[in-house]
């Protein structure tokens, strides 16, 4: 298990680079599941829209498959505007991950 906070995600031509506080990773897909926190999404240029749940100010705009406005980046759960209830967000996360693998 890798512990750390992602500080940046960007396209590098061959995929995506994820920078953390002390390490860098390469990926073809990234699934953003940061609860109600949108700081990383804002930093990496994901489109944010007003949230619809109580106390959720902003969420990442996604399409029906969970894709964001950045190629290779999906979002799921509360940060993507899904209900704050754990059972709903966990199911949404699983669905979005499966869709990203198929694409």
N, C-alpha and C. Protein backbone atom coordinates (compact mmCIF):
# COMPACT_ATOMS: atom_id res chain seq x y z
N UNK A 1 0.84 -1.17 0.00
CA UNK A 1 0.00 0.00 0.00
C UNK A 1 0.89 1.24 0.00
N UNK A 2 0.50 2.21 -0.78
CA UNK A 2 1.25 3.46 -0.88
C UNK A 2 0.48 4.54 -0.12
N UNK A 3 1.17 5.19 0.78
CA UNK A 3 0.56 6.28 1.52
C UNK A 3 1.17 7.59 1.07
N UNK A 4 0.35 8.59 0.94
CA UNK A 4 0.82 9.90 0.53
C UNK A 4 -0.32 10.68 -0.08
N UNK A 5 -0.07 11.92 -0.31
CA UNK A 5 -1.08 12.80 -0.90
C UNK A 5 -0.69 13.16 -2.32
N UNK A 6 -1.60 12.94 -3.24
CA UNK A 6 -1.36 13.35 -4.63
C UNK A 6 -1.38 14.87 -4.68
N UNK A 7 -0.37 15.43 -5.34
CA UNK A 7 -0.28 16.89 -5.44
C UNK A 7 -0.48 17.39 -6.86
N UNK A 8 -0.33 16.48 -7.84
CA UNK A 8 -0.50 16.88 -9.24
C UNK A 8 -0.73 15.65 -10.10
N UNK A 9 -1.51 15.82 -11.16
CA UNK A 9 -1.72 14.78 -12.17
C UNK A 9 -1.70 15.49 -13.51
N UNK A 10 -0.88 14.97 -14.44
CA UNK A 10 -0.81 15.61 -15.75
C UNK A 10 -0.51 14.60 -16.83
N UNK A 11 -0.91 14.94 -18.05
CA UNK A 11 -0.66 14.10 -19.22
C UNK A 11 0.81 14.26 -19.61
N UNK A 12 1.46 13.13 -19.89
CA UNK A 12 2.87 13.17 -20.28
C UNK A 12 3.10 12.63 -21.69
N UNK A 13 2.04 12.49 -22.47
CA UNK A 13 2.17 11.98 -23.83
C UNK A 13 1.94 10.49 -23.93
N UNK A 14 2.43 9.72 -22.96
CA UNK A 14 2.25 8.26 -22.94
C UNK A 14 1.17 7.84 -21.96
N UNK A 15 0.61 8.74 -21.24
CA UNK A 15 -0.38 8.44 -20.21
C UNK A 15 -0.44 9.59 -19.24
N UNK A 16 -0.52 9.25 -17.96
CA UNK A 16 -0.63 10.26 -16.92
C UNK A 16 0.50 10.09 -15.91
N UNK A 17 0.96 11.19 -15.39
CA UNK A 17 1.93 11.19 -14.31
C UNK A 17 1.23 11.69 -13.06
N UNK A 18 1.37 10.95 -11.97
CA UNK A 18 0.80 11.34 -10.69
C UNK A 18 1.96 11.68 -9.77
N UNK A 19 1.99 12.90 -9.29
CA UNK A 19 3.02 13.31 -8.34
C UNK A 19 2.43 13.32 -6.94
N UNK A 20 3.17 12.75 -6.00
CA UNK A 20 2.78 12.81 -4.60
C UNK A 20 3.82 13.64 -3.87
N UNK A 21 3.68 13.72 -2.56
CA UNK A 21 4.62 14.50 -1.76
C UNK A 21 6.05 13.99 -1.90
N UNK A 22 6.23 12.68 -2.15
CA UNK A 22 7.59 12.15 -2.18
C UNK A 22 7.85 11.10 -3.26
N UNK A 23 6.94 10.93 -4.21
CA UNK A 23 7.12 9.92 -5.24
C UNK A 23 6.33 10.29 -6.49
N UNK A 24 6.70 9.69 -7.63
CA UNK A 24 5.99 9.92 -8.88
C UNK A 24 5.58 8.56 -9.45
N UNK A 25 4.37 8.52 -10.02
CA UNK A 25 3.83 7.28 -10.58
C UNK A 25 3.34 7.52 -12.00
N UNK A 26 3.35 6.49 -12.82
CA UNK A 26 2.81 6.54 -14.17
C UNK A 26 1.51 5.73 -14.19
N UNK A 27 0.54 6.18 -14.98
CA UNK A 27 -0.73 5.47 -15.08
C UNK A 27 -1.38 5.75 -16.44
N UNK A 28 -2.25 4.84 -16.84
CA UNK A 28 -3.05 5.07 -18.05
C UNK A 28 -4.38 5.72 -17.67
N UNK A 29 -4.85 5.42 -16.45
CA UNK A 29 -6.13 5.94 -15.97
C UNK A 29 -5.97 6.39 -14.52
N UNK A 30 -6.73 7.40 -14.14
CA UNK A 30 -6.78 7.86 -12.75
C UNK A 30 -8.24 7.98 -12.37
N UNK A 31 -8.58 7.46 -11.19
CA UNK A 31 -9.93 7.58 -10.65
C UNK A 31 -9.85 8.46 -9.41
N UNK A 32 -10.46 9.64 -9.48
CA UNK A 32 -10.45 10.59 -8.36
C UNK A 32 -11.61 10.25 -7.44
N UNK A 33 -11.29 9.89 -6.21
CA UNK A 33 -12.30 9.56 -5.20
C UNK A 33 -11.86 10.20 -3.88
N UNK A 34 -11.97 11.50 -3.80
CA UNK A 34 -11.42 12.25 -2.67
C UNK A 34 -12.48 12.74 -1.69
N UNK A 35 -13.59 12.03 -1.60
CA UNK A 35 -14.64 12.48 -0.69
C UNK A 35 -15.20 13.81 -1.14
N UNK A 36 -15.31 14.74 -0.23
CA UNK A 36 -15.84 16.07 -0.56
C UNK A 36 -14.75 17.06 -0.92
N UNK A 37 -13.51 16.61 -0.96
CA UNK A 37 -12.38 17.52 -1.20
C UNK A 37 -12.13 17.70 -2.70
N UNK A 38 -12.11 18.94 -3.15
CA UNK A 38 -11.91 19.22 -4.57
C UNK A 38 -10.60 19.95 -4.85
N UNK A 39 -9.73 20.07 -3.87
CA UNK A 39 -8.47 20.81 -4.04
C UNK A 39 -7.64 20.25 -5.19
N UNK A 40 -7.40 18.93 -5.21
CA UNK A 40 -6.61 18.33 -6.27
C UNK A 40 -7.28 18.52 -7.62
N UNK A 41 -8.59 18.32 -7.67
CA UNK A 41 -9.34 18.50 -8.92
C UNK A 41 -9.16 19.91 -9.47
N UNK A 42 -9.24 20.89 -8.60
CA UNK A 42 -9.06 22.27 -9.00
C UNK A 42 -7.62 22.51 -9.49
N UNK A 43 -6.65 21.97 -8.78
CA UNK A 43 -5.24 22.13 -9.14
C UNK A 43 -4.93 21.57 -10.52
N UNK A 44 -5.52 20.42 -10.85
CA UNK A 44 -5.20 19.77 -12.13
C UNK A 44 -6.13 20.16 -13.27
N UNK A 45 -7.04 21.10 -13.00
CA UNK A 45 -7.87 21.64 -14.07
C UNK A 45 -9.13 20.87 -14.40
N UNK A 46 -9.61 20.06 -13.46
CA UNK A 46 -10.89 19.39 -13.70
C UNK A 46 -12.01 20.40 -13.52
N UNK A 47 -13.04 20.29 -14.37
CA UNK A 47 -14.15 21.23 -14.30
C UNK A 47 -14.99 20.96 -13.06
N UNK A 48 -15.19 22.00 -12.26
CA UNK A 48 -16.00 21.91 -11.05
C UNK A 48 -17.32 22.62 -11.26
N UNK A 49 -18.37 22.06 -10.67
CA UNK A 49 -19.71 22.63 -10.73
C UNK A 49 -20.28 22.64 -9.32
N UNK A 50 -21.33 23.43 -9.08
CA UNK A 50 -21.93 23.45 -7.74
C UNK A 50 -22.47 22.08 -7.34
N UNK A 51 -22.25 21.71 -6.07
CA UNK A 51 -22.77 20.46 -5.54
C UNK A 51 -24.25 20.57 -5.24
N UNK A 52 -24.94 19.41 -5.20
CA UNK A 52 -26.38 19.39 -4.94
C UNK A 52 -26.71 18.84 -3.55
N UNK A 53 -25.74 18.21 -2.91
CA UNK A 53 -25.94 17.66 -1.57
C UNK A 53 -25.71 18.76 -0.53
N UNK A 54 -26.36 18.67 0.62
CA UNK A 54 -26.11 19.66 1.67
C UNK A 54 -24.63 19.68 2.06
N UNK A 55 -24.07 20.83 2.27
CA UNK A 55 -22.69 21.06 2.70
C UNK A 55 -21.63 20.66 1.67
N UNK A 56 -22.02 20.27 0.47
CA UNK A 56 -21.06 19.96 -0.60
C UNK A 56 -21.09 21.13 -1.57
N UNK A 57 -20.07 21.99 -1.50
CA UNK A 57 -20.07 23.22 -2.29
C UNK A 57 -19.77 22.99 -3.76
N UNK A 58 -18.76 22.16 -4.05
CA UNK A 58 -18.36 21.92 -5.44
C UNK A 58 -18.15 20.44 -5.66
N UNK A 59 -18.39 20.00 -6.90
CA UNK A 59 -18.12 18.63 -7.31
C UNK A 59 -17.48 18.66 -8.70
N UNK A 60 -16.86 17.55 -9.07
CA UNK A 60 -16.27 17.44 -10.40
C UNK A 60 -17.37 17.11 -11.40
N UNK A 61 -17.40 17.84 -12.50
CA UNK A 61 -18.37 17.54 -13.55
C UNK A 61 -17.92 16.28 -14.29
N UNK A 62 -18.84 15.31 -14.42
CA UNK A 62 -18.55 14.06 -15.12
C UNK A 62 -19.66 13.77 -16.12
N UNK A 63 -19.35 12.88 -17.08
CA UNK A 63 -20.39 12.42 -18.00
C UNK A 63 -21.05 11.17 -17.40
N UNK A 64 -21.91 10.52 -18.14
CA UNK A 64 -22.66 9.37 -17.63
C UNK A 64 -21.76 8.21 -17.23
N UNK A 65 -20.54 8.15 -17.77
CA UNK A 65 -19.60 7.08 -17.46
C UNK A 65 -18.60 7.46 -16.38
N UNK A 66 -18.68 8.68 -15.87
CA UNK A 66 -17.75 9.12 -14.84
C UNK A 66 -16.51 9.81 -15.37
N UNK A 67 -16.46 10.04 -16.69
CA UNK A 67 -15.30 10.72 -17.28
C UNK A 67 -15.34 12.21 -16.96
N UNK A 68 -14.15 12.77 -16.75
CA UNK A 68 -14.03 14.21 -16.51
C UNK A 68 -13.65 14.89 -17.82
N UNK A 69 -13.35 16.17 -17.75
CA UNK A 69 -12.94 16.92 -18.93
C UNK A 69 -11.48 16.65 -19.33
N UNK A 70 -10.76 15.84 -18.56
CA UNK A 70 -9.37 15.50 -18.87
C UNK A 70 -9.29 14.04 -19.29
N UNK A 71 -8.64 13.78 -20.41
CA UNK A 71 -8.49 12.42 -20.94
C UNK A 71 -7.81 11.51 -19.92
N UNK A 72 -8.42 10.35 -19.69
CA UNK A 72 -7.84 9.35 -18.80
C UNK A 72 -8.17 9.55 -17.33
N UNK A 73 -8.93 10.60 -17.01
CA UNK A 73 -9.26 10.85 -15.60
C UNK A 73 -10.77 10.72 -15.39
N UNK A 74 -11.14 9.84 -14.47
CA UNK A 74 -12.52 9.62 -14.08
C UNK A 74 -12.68 10.10 -12.65
N UNK A 75 -13.93 10.31 -12.24
CA UNK A 75 -14.22 10.67 -10.85
C UNK A 75 -15.43 9.89 -10.39
N UNK A 76 -15.48 9.58 -9.10
CA UNK A 76 -16.60 8.81 -8.55
C UNK A 76 -16.84 9.23 -7.11
N UNK A 77 -18.02 8.91 -6.64
CA UNK A 77 -18.36 9.18 -5.25
C UNK A 77 -18.80 10.61 -5.01
N UNK A 78 -18.67 11.03 -3.78
CA UNK A 78 -19.13 12.36 -3.38
C UNK A 78 -18.50 13.47 -4.20
N UNK A 79 -17.20 13.37 -4.50
CA UNK A 79 -16.52 14.41 -5.28
C UNK A 79 -17.07 14.52 -6.69
N UNK A 80 -17.78 13.49 -7.15
CA UNK A 80 -18.39 13.50 -8.48
C UNK A 80 -19.89 13.79 -8.41
N UNK A 81 -20.36 14.22 -7.25
CA UNK A 81 -21.76 14.61 -7.13
C UNK A 81 -22.70 13.48 -6.75
N UNK A 82 -22.16 12.33 -6.39
CA UNK A 82 -22.98 11.19 -5.97
C UNK A 82 -23.30 11.36 -4.49
N UNK A 83 -24.37 10.78 -4.03
CA UNK A 83 -24.80 10.89 -2.64
C UNK A 83 -23.65 10.66 -1.66
N UNK A 84 -23.70 11.32 -0.53
CA UNK A 84 -22.67 11.18 0.49
C UNK A 84 -22.79 9.87 1.27
N UNK A 85 -23.81 9.09 1.04
CA UNK A 85 -24.01 7.84 1.76
C UNK A 85 -23.03 6.77 1.26
N UNK A 86 -22.32 6.15 2.16
CA UNK A 86 -21.23 5.22 1.84
C UNK A 86 -21.63 4.13 0.86
N UNK A 87 -22.75 3.50 1.06
CA UNK A 87 -23.15 2.39 0.20
C UNK A 87 -23.35 2.86 -1.25
N UNK A 88 -23.83 4.07 -1.43
CA UNK A 88 -24.05 4.61 -2.77
C UNK A 88 -22.71 4.99 -3.41
N UNK A 89 -21.85 5.67 -2.66
CA UNK A 89 -20.58 6.11 -3.23
C UNK A 89 -19.66 4.94 -3.53
N UNK A 90 -19.67 3.89 -2.71
CA UNK A 90 -18.80 2.75 -2.99
C UNK A 90 -19.26 2.02 -4.24
N UNK A 91 -20.55 1.88 -4.44
CA UNK A 91 -21.07 1.27 -5.66
C UNK A 91 -20.73 2.10 -6.88
N UNK A 92 -20.82 3.41 -6.75
CA UNK A 92 -20.48 4.30 -7.86
C UNK A 92 -19.01 4.20 -8.20
N UNK A 93 -18.15 4.10 -7.20
CA UNK A 93 -16.72 3.96 -7.44
C UNK A 93 -16.39 2.69 -8.18
N UNK A 94 -17.02 1.60 -7.79
CA UNK A 94 -16.80 0.32 -8.46
C UNK A 94 -17.27 0.39 -9.91
N UNK A 95 -18.42 0.98 -10.14
CA UNK A 95 -18.95 1.12 -11.50
C UNK A 95 -18.02 1.96 -12.38
N UNK A 96 -17.56 3.08 -11.85
CA UNK A 96 -16.68 3.96 -12.63
C UNK A 96 -15.36 3.28 -12.96
N UNK A 97 -14.82 2.52 -12.02
CA UNK A 97 -13.56 1.81 -12.27
C UNK A 97 -13.74 0.77 -13.37
N UNK A 98 -14.82 0.04 -13.35
CA UNK A 98 -15.08 -0.95 -14.40
C UNK A 98 -15.21 -0.30 -15.77
N UNK A 99 -15.91 0.82 -15.82
CA UNK A 99 -16.08 1.53 -17.09
C UNK A 99 -14.74 2.04 -17.60
N UNK A 100 -13.89 2.55 -16.69
CA UNK A 100 -12.58 3.06 -17.14
C UNK A 100 -11.71 1.93 -17.68
N UNK A 101 -11.84 0.75 -17.15
CA UNK A 101 -11.06 -0.40 -17.64
C UNK A 101 -11.51 -0.85 -19.02
N UNK A 102 -12.81 -0.76 -19.27
CA UNK A 102 -13.36 -1.15 -20.58
C UNK A 102 -12.93 -0.17 -21.65
N UNK A 103 -12.86 1.12 -21.29
CA UNK A 103 -12.46 2.14 -22.26
C UNK A 103 -10.98 2.11 -22.41
